[in-house]
C-alpha atoms as a PDB file:
ATOM      1  CA  MET A   1     123.657  97.667  90.003  1.00  0.00           C
ATOM      2  CA  THR A   2     123.330  96.284  93.532  1.00  0.00           C
ATOM      3  CA  ASN A   3     122.149  99.651  94.911  1.00  0.00           C
ATOM      4  CA  ILE A   4     119.537  99.946  92.189  1.00  0.00           C
ATOM      5  CA  LYS A   5     117.987  96.576  93.043  1.00  0.00           C
ATOM      6  CA  GLU A   6     118.042  97.254  96.774  1.00  0.00           C
ATOM      7  CA  ARG A   7     116.988 100.905  96.859  1.00  0.00           C
ATOM      8  CA  GLY A   8     115.418 101.677  93.502  1.00  0.00           C
ATOM      9  CA  TYR A   9     111.686 101.976  92.765  1.00  0.00           C
ATOM     10  CA  SER A  10     110.087  99.130  90.863  1.00  0.00           C
ATOM     11  CA  TYR A  11     106.688  99.243  89.199  1.00  0.00           C
ATOM     12  CA  GLN A  12     105.246  96.973  91.921  1.00  0.00           C
ATOM     13  CA  ASN A  13     105.996  99.160  94.938  1.00  0.00           C
ATOM     14  CA  SER A  14     105.329 102.379  93.018  1.00  0.00           C
ATOM     15  CA  TYR A  15     101.842 101.151  92.133  1.00  0.00           C
ATOM     16  CA  SER A  16     101.118 100.004  95.692  1.00  0.00           C
ATOM     17  CA  GLU A  17     102.036 103.435  97.098  1.00  0.00           C
ATOM     18  CA  LEU A  18      99.519 105.346  94.986  1.00  0.00           C
ATOM     19  CA  PHE A  19      96.714 106.896  97.019  1.00  0.00           C
ATOM     20  CA  TRP A  20      93.868 109.403  96.955  1.00  0.00           C
ATOM     21  CA  LYS A  21      93.445 112.318  99.334  1.00  0.00           C
ATOM     22  CA  PHE A  22      90.139 112.115 101.147  1.00  0.00           C
ATOM     23  CA  PRO A  23      88.708 115.532 102.172  1.00  0.00           C
ATOM     24  CA  GLN A  24      88.068 115.684 105.916  1.00  0.00           C
ATOM     25  CA  PHE A  25      85.011 117.915 105.669  1.00  0.00           C
ATOM     26  CA  LEU A  26      83.065 115.017 104.143  1.00  0.00           C
ATOM     27  CA  LEU A  27      83.255 113.239 107.492  1.00  0.00           C
ATOM     28  CA  LYS A  28      83.380 116.115 109.993  1.00  0.00           C
ATOM     29  CA  ASN A  29      81.120 118.854 108.650  1.00  0.00           C
ATOM     30  CA  GLU A  30      77.518 118.661 109.834  1.00  0.00           C
ATOM     31  CA  LYS A  31      76.170 119.491 106.394  1.00  0.00           C
ATOM     32  CA  TYR A  32      78.159 116.981 104.352  1.00  0.00           C
ATOM     33  CA  LYS A  33      78.812 114.038 106.670  1.00  0.00           C
ATOM     34  CA  SER A  34      75.273 112.732 106.129  1.00  0.00           C
ATOM     35  CA  MET A  35      75.992 112.149 102.430  1.00  0.00           C
ATOM     36  CA  LYS A  36      76.175 108.602 101.121  1.00  0.00           C
ATOM     37  CA  ASP A  37      79.608 107.009 101.064  1.00  0.00           C
ATOM     38  CA  SER A  38      79.444 106.534  97.298  1.00  0.00           C
ATOM     39  CA  SER A  39      78.951 110.287  96.826  1.00  0.00           C
ATOM     40  CA  LYS A  40      81.885 111.072  99.106  1.00  0.00           C
ATOM     41  CA  ILE A  41      84.113 108.676  97.179  1.00  0.00           C
ATOM     42  CA  ALA A  42      82.955 110.173  93.891  1.00  0.00           C
ATOM     43  CA  TYR A  43      83.870 113.670  95.102  1.00  0.00           C
ATOM     44  CA  MET A  44      87.309 112.429  96.112  1.00  0.00           C
ATOM     45  CA  LEU A  45      87.875 110.779  92.712  1.00  0.00           C
ATOM     46  CA  PHE A  46      86.623 113.817  90.797  1.00  0.00           C
ATOM     47  CA  LYS A  47      88.939 116.058  92.798  1.00  0.00           C
ATOM     48  CA  ASP A  48      91.850 113.815  91.867  1.00  0.00           C
ATOM     49  CA  LYS A  49      91.019 114.352  88.181  1.00  0.00           C
ATOM     50  CA  ILE A  50      91.674 118.100  88.389  1.00  0.00           C
ATOM     51  CA  SER A  51      95.312 117.507  87.431  1.00  0.00           C
ATOM     52  CA  LEU A  52      94.082 115.675  84.334  1.00  0.00           C
ATOM     53  CA  ALA A  53      91.824 118.625  83.523  1.00  0.00           C
ATOM     54  CA  LEU A  54      94.798 120.975  83.646  1.00  0.00           C
ATOM     55  CA  THR A  55      96.760 118.661  81.359  1.00  0.00           C
ATOM     56  CA  ASN A  56      93.881 118.556  78.864  1.00  0.00           C
ATOM     57  CA  ASN A  57      93.266 122.305  79.209  1.00  0.00           C
ATOM     58  CA  TRP A  58      89.692 121.805  80.375  1.00  0.00           C
ATOM     59  CA  ILE A  59      89.375 125.425  81.415  1.00  0.00           C
ATOM     60  CA  ASP A  60      86.490 127.652  80.392  1.00  0.00           C
ATOM     61  CA  GLU A  61      86.589 131.314  79.343  1.00  0.00           C
ATOM     62  CA  ASP A  62      86.271 132.377  82.982  1.00  0.00           C
ATOM     63  CA  GLY A  63      89.320 130.362  83.983  1.00  0.00           C
ATOM     64  CA  MET A  64      87.275 127.744  85.834  1.00  0.00           C
ATOM     65  CA  ILE A  65      88.288 124.085  85.655  1.00  0.00           C
ATOM     66  CA  TYR A  66      85.780 121.472  84.550  1.00  0.00           C
ATOM     67  CA  LEU A  67      85.841 117.726  84.013  1.00  0.00           C
ATOM     68  CA  ILE A  68      84.576 115.687  81.100  1.00  0.00           C
ATOM     69  CA  PHE A  69      83.223 112.201  81.703  1.00  0.00           C
ATOM     70  CA  GLN A  70      81.082 109.712  79.917  1.00  0.00           C
ATOM     71  CA  GLN A  71      78.635 107.597  81.875  1.00  0.00           C
ATOM     72  CA  LYS A  72      80.733 104.476  81.372  1.00  0.00           C
ATOM     73  CA  ASP A  73      83.814 106.274  82.746  1.00  0.00           C
ATOM     74  CA  ILE A  74      82.020 107.124  85.980  1.00  0.00           C
ATOM     75  CA  MET A  75      80.568 103.614  86.189  1.00  0.00           C
ATOM     76  CA  GLU A  76      84.067 102.190  85.925  1.00  0.00           C
ATOM     77  CA  MET A  77      85.485 104.627  88.481  1.00  0.00           C
ATOM     78  CA  LEU A  78      82.815 103.901  91.068  1.00  0.00           C
ATOM     79  CA  ASN A  79      82.428 100.252  90.069  1.00  0.00           C
ATOM     80  CA  CYS A  80      78.664 100.588  89.936  1.00  0.00           C
ATOM     81  CA  TYR A  81      75.705 100.449  87.562  1.00  0.00           C
ATOM     82  CA  GLN A  82      74.240 103.363  85.596  1.00  0.00           C
ATOM     83  CA  GLY A  83      71.408 104.038  88.038  1.00  0.00           C
ATOM     84  CA  LYS A  84      73.890 104.390  90.881  1.00  0.00           C
ATOM     85  CA  VAL A  85      75.900 106.905  88.859  1.00  0.00           C
ATOM     86  CA  LYS A  86      72.820 109.069  88.372  1.00  0.00           C
ATOM     87  CA  SER A  87      71.867 109.030  92.065  1.00  0.00           C
ATOM     88  CA  THR A  88      75.460 109.834  93.056  1.00  0.00           C
ATOM     89  CA  LEU A  89      75.695 112.806  90.698  1.00  0.00           C
ATOM     90  CA  ASP A  90      72.278 114.015  91.821  1.00  0.00           C
ATOM     91  CA  GLU A  91      73.334 113.955  95.471  1.00  0.00           C
ATOM     92  CA  LEU A  92      76.547 115.862  94.754  1.00  0.00           C
ATOM     93  CA  GLU A  93      74.462 118.494  92.972  1.00  0.00           C
ATOM     94  CA  LYS A  94      71.967 118.548  95.833  1.00  0.00           C
ATOM     95  CA  TYR A  95      74.703 119.291  98.367  1.00  0.00           C
ATOM     96  CA  GLY A  96      76.233 121.963  96.145  1.00  0.00           C
ATOM     97  CA  LEU A  97      79.481 120.101  95.455  1.00  0.00           C
ATOM     98  CA  LEU A  98      78.940 119.593  91.736  1.00  0.00           C
ATOM     99  CA  GLU A  99      77.392 121.555  88.915  1.00  0.00           C
ATOM    100  CA  VAL A 100      76.752 120.008  85.522  1.00  0.00           C
ATOM    101  CA  VAL A 101      76.542 122.089  82.357  1.00  0.00           C
ATOM    102  CA  ARG A 102      74.694 120.052  79.748  1.00  0.00           C
ATOM    103  CA  GLY A 103      76.366 120.007  76.376  1.00  0.00           C
ATOM    104  CA  GLY A 104      73.331 119.116  74.297  1.00  0.00           C
ATOM    105  CA  PHE A 105      73.455 118.451  70.588  1.00  0.00           C
ATOM    106  CA  ASP A 106      75.540 120.447  68.118  1.00  0.00           C
ATOM    107  CA  ALA A 107      73.472 120.581  64.939  1.00  0.00           C
ATOM    108  CA  LYS A 108      76.284 122.014  62.845  1.00  0.00           C
ATOM    109  CA  ALA A 109      78.789 119.391  63.936  1.00  0.00           C
ATOM    110  CA  GLY A 110      76.116 116.732  63.981  1.00  0.00           C
ATOM    111  CA  LYS A 111      77.192 115.296  67.342  1.00  0.00           C
ATOM    112  CA  ASN A 112      76.499 115.524  71.031  1.00  0.00           C
ATOM    113  CA  ILE A 113      78.554 117.945  73.082  1.00  0.00           C
ATOM    114  CA  ALA A 114      80.022 116.456  76.230  1.00  0.00           C
ATOM    115  CA  ASN A 115      78.706 117.594  79.575  1.00  0.00           C
ATOM    116  CA  LYS A 116      80.988 119.733  81.696  1.00  0.00           C
ATOM    117  CA  TYR A 117      81.257 118.716  85.338  1.00  0.00           C
ATOM    118  CA  TYR A 118      82.319 121.554  87.612  1.00  0.00           C
ATOM    119  CA  LEU A 119      83.514 120.336  90.979  1.00  0.00           C
ATOM    120  CA  LEU A 120      82.638 122.905  93.644  1.00  0.00           C
ATOM    121  CA  GLN A 121      84.323 123.700  96.923  1.00  0.00           C
ATOM    122  CA  PRO A 122      82.347 123.146 100.139  1.00  0.00           C
ATOM    123  CA  GLU A 123      80.607 126.009 101.895  1.00  0.00           C
ATOM    124  CA  LEU A 124      82.470 126.279 105.166  1.00  0.00           C
ATOM    125  CA  LYS A 125      82.234 128.780 107.988  1.00  0.00           C
ATOM    126  CA  LYS A 126      84.827 129.962 110.461  1.00  0.00           C
ATOM    127  CA  GLU A 127      83.142 127.810 113.088  1.00  0.00           C
ATOM    128  CA  ASP A 128      83.758 124.720 110.939  1.00  0.00           C
ATOM    129  CA  LEU A 129      87.467 125.423 110.759  1.00  0.00           C
ATOM    130  CA  TYR A 130      87.589 126.031 114.529  1.00  0.00           C
ATOM    131  CA  LEU A 131      85.716 122.809 115.275  1.00  0.00           C
ATOM    132  CA  SER A 132      88.006 120.853 112.976  1.00  0.00           C
ATOM    133  CA  ALA A 133      91.134 122.204 114.653  1.00  0.00           C
ATOM    134  CA  ASN A 134      89.611 121.739 118.106  1.00  0.00           C
ATOM    135  CA  THR A 135      88.676 118.138 117.331  1.00  0.00           C
ATOM    136  CA  ASN A 136      92.206 117.346 116.227  1.00  0.00           C
ATOM    137  CA  SER A 137      93.558 118.992 119.378  1.00  0.00           C
ATOM    138  CA  LYS A 138      91.187 117.028 121.608  1.00  0.00           C
ATOM    139  CA  THR A 139      92.143 113.800 119.889  1.00  0.00           C
ATOM    140  CA  LEU A 140      95.797 114.545 120.507  1.00  0.00           C
ATOM    141  CA  ASP A 141      95.144 115.538 124.121  1.00  0.00           C
ATOM    142  CA  SER A 142      93.022 112.468 124.746  1.00  0.00           C
ATOM    143  CA  SER A 143      95.713 110.188 123.422  1.00  0.00           C
ATOM    144  CA  GLY A 144      98.246 112.066 125.543  1.00  0.00           C
ATOM    145  CA  TYR A 145      96.161 111.754 128.689  1.00  0.00           C
ATOM    146  CA  ALA A 146      95.524 108.120 127.906  1.00  0.00           C
ATOM    147  CA  GLU A 147      99.261 107.517 127.680  1.00  0.00           C
ATOM    148  CA  ILE A 148      99.889 109.344 130.956  1.00  0.00           C
ATOM    149  CA  ALA A 149      97.063 107.431 132.628  1.00  0.00           C
ATOM    150  CA  ARG A 150      98.479 104.175 131.340  1.00  0.00           C
ATOM    151  CA  ARG A 151     101.915 105.002 132.715  1.00  0.00           C
ATOM    152  CA  GLU A 152     100.456 106.058 136.070  1.00  0.00           C
ATOM    153  CA  LYS A 153      98.505 102.828 136.220  1.00  0.00           C
ATOM    154  CA  ASN A 154     101.633 100.838 135.497  1.00  0.00           C
ATOM    155  CA  SER A 155     103.435 102.848 138.183  1.00  0.00           C
ATOM    156  CA  GLU A 156     100.681 102.113 140.702  1.00  0.00           C
ATOM    157  CA  THR A 157     100.793  98.450 139.787  1.00  0.00           C
ATOM    158  CA  LEU A 158     104.542  98.460 140.254  1.00  0.00           C
ATOM    159  CA  ASP A 159     104.194 100.173 143.636  1.00  0.00           C
ATOM    160  CA  SER A 160     101.493  97.748 144.702  1.00  0.00           C
ATOM    161  CA  SER A 161     103.601  94.793 143.660  1.00  0.00           C
ATOM    162  CA  GLY A 162     106.512  96.358 145.542  1.00  0.00           C
ATOM    163  CA  TYR A 163     104.484  96.682 148.726  1.00  0.00           C
ATOM    164  CA  ALA A 164     103.156  93.186 148.212  1.00  0.00           C
ATOM    165  CA  GLU A 165     106.716  91.889 147.900  1.00  0.00           C
ATOM    166  CA  ILE A 166     107.757  93.680 151.089  1.00  0.00           C
ATOM    167  CA  ALA A 167     104.691  92.358 152.897  1.00  0.00           C
ATOM    168  CA  ARG A 168     105.442  88.850 151.664  1.00  0.00           C
ATOM    169  CA  ARG A 169     109.012  89.068 152.902  1.00  0.00           C
ATOM    170  CA  GLU A 170     107.884  90.452 156.279  1.00  0.00           C
ATOM    171  CA  LYS A 171     105.401  87.621 156.550  1.00  0.00           C
ATOM    172  CA  ASN A 172     108.135  85.116 155.838  1.00  0.00           C
ATOM    173  CA  VAL A 173     110.350  86.746 158.471  1.00  0.00           C
ATOM    174  CA  GLU A 174     107.656  86.524 161.165  1.00  0.00           C
ATOM    175  CA  PRO A 175     107.467  82.701 161.148  1.00  0.00           C
ATOM    176  CA  LEU A 176     111.255  82.676 161.256  1.00  0.00           C
ATOM    177  CA  ASP A 177     111.232  84.995 164.279  1.00  0.00           C
ATOM    178  CA  ASN A 178     108.538  82.940 166.006  1.00  0.00           C
ATOM    179  CA  SER A 179     110.433  79.739 165.352  1.00  0.00           C
ATOM    180  CA  GLY A 180     113.518  81.467 166.744  1.00  0.00           C
ATOM    181  CA  TYR A 181     111.748  82.413 169.940  1.00  0.00           C
ATOM    182  CA  ALA A 182     110.376  78.896 170.202  1.00  0.00           C
ATOM    183  CA  GLU A 183     113.907  77.530 169.875  1.00  0.00           C
ATOM    184  CA  ILE A 184     115.171  79.867 172.588  1.00  0.00           C
ATOM    185  CA  ALA A 185     112.269  78.918 174.845  1.00  0.00           C
ATOM    186  CA  GLN A 186     112.993  75.269 174.260  1.00  0.00           C
ATOM    187  CA  VAL A 187     116.664  75.755 175.174  1.00  0.00           C
ATOM    188  CA  LYS A 188     115.666  77.593 178.373  1.00  0.00           C
ATOM    189  CA  ASP A 189     113.319  74.740 179.330  1.00  0.00           C
ATOM    190  CA  ASN A 190     116.080  72.212 178.785  1.00  0.00           C
ATOM    191  CA  ILE A 191     118.459  74.233 180.952  1.00  0.00           C
ATOM    192  CA  TYR A 192     115.830  74.444 183.731  1.00  0.00           C
ATOM    193  CA  ILE A 193     115.151  70.718 183.570  1.00  0.00           C
ATOM    194  CA  ASN A 194     118.849  69.918 183.651  1.00  0.00           C
ATOM    195  CA  ASN A 195     119.365  72.226 186.626  1.00  0.00           C
ATOM    196  CA  SER A 196     116.445  70.608 188.440  1.00  0.00           C
ATOM    197  CA  LEU A 197     117.846  67.147 187.822  1.00  0.00           C
ATOM    198  CA  ASP A 198     121.246  68.215 189.072  1.00  0.00           C
ATOM    199  CA  THR A 199     119.651  69.625 192.243  1.00  0.00           C
ATOM    200  CA  ILE A 200     117.711  66.395 192.904  1.00  0.00           C
ATOM    201  CA  ASP A 201     120.833  64.363 192.287  1.00  0.00           C
ATOM    202  CA  THR A 202     122.745  66.466 194.860  1.00  0.00           C
ATOM    203  CA  ILE A 203     120.054  66.012 197.574  1.00  0.00           C
ATOM    204  CA  ASP A 204     119.967  62.247 197.068  1.00  0.00           C
ATOM    205  CA  THR A 205     123.731  62.074 197.362  1.00  0.00           C
ATOM    206  CA  LYS A 206     123.700  63.958 200.694  1.00  0.00           C
ATOM    207  CA  LYS A 207     121.000  61.619 202.091  1.00  0.00           C
ATOM    208  CA  GLU A 208     123.056  58.573 201.250  1.00  0.00           C
ATOM    209  CA  ARG A 209     126.119  60.048 202.995  1.00  0.00           C
ATOM    210  CA  LEU A 210     124.134  60.777 206.197  1.00  0.00           C
ATOM    211  CA  GLN A 211     122.708  57.254 206.276  1.00  0.00           C
ATOM    212  CA  GLN A 212     126.174  55.785 205.918  1.00  0.00           C
ATOM    213  CA  GLN A 213     127.469  57.950 208.799  1.00  0.00           C
ATOM    214  CA  LEU A 214     124.624  56.804 211.100  1.00  0.00           C
ATOM    215  CA  LEU A 215     125.353  53.182 210.354  1.00  0.00           C
ATOM    216  CA  LEU A 216     128.945  53.676 211.330  1.00  0.00           C
END
């Protein structure tokens, strides 16, 4: 039971991990990237409903999959008002990503027939696929070069700090050397002074001895 609580899937984390797949062409392709965001989101949500269409067997006599929605369903999906739903569907039709087959009214059954929404694939060229792959490659290369540049910059900074440290140490050594020479010079001066004093003292002593001899 312990493993289940630690590693099992609960309804909370399962719900939080649900996601939709957003088609890249809606952002990269020159023809479709100018569409409104609401239309792009609608296309993504409609595409996600294809699995539901298969479950409900929403397949026509030609084997093509269609979706069935009511206005309120689309309003709830897009979280918008009815006018926004109409403009969104119109734009998807305008860009050739949606085709609506009107159901009309069935006189025999005495009820309205639901519209069929056919989600269409984008019209892409070989150049579009090449540009998409090239863009991804450039993004990867740019991030790679950026990483290399960052490392080189850090290396240069490290080298600079290394040279700076050496320079700082050399600078600290120079005052030490100068103070050393000053100390040596001072010692030499003291020796010279002492020698001079000794010489003077010797001369004075000789004078005194001569004077004493003359007096005798």
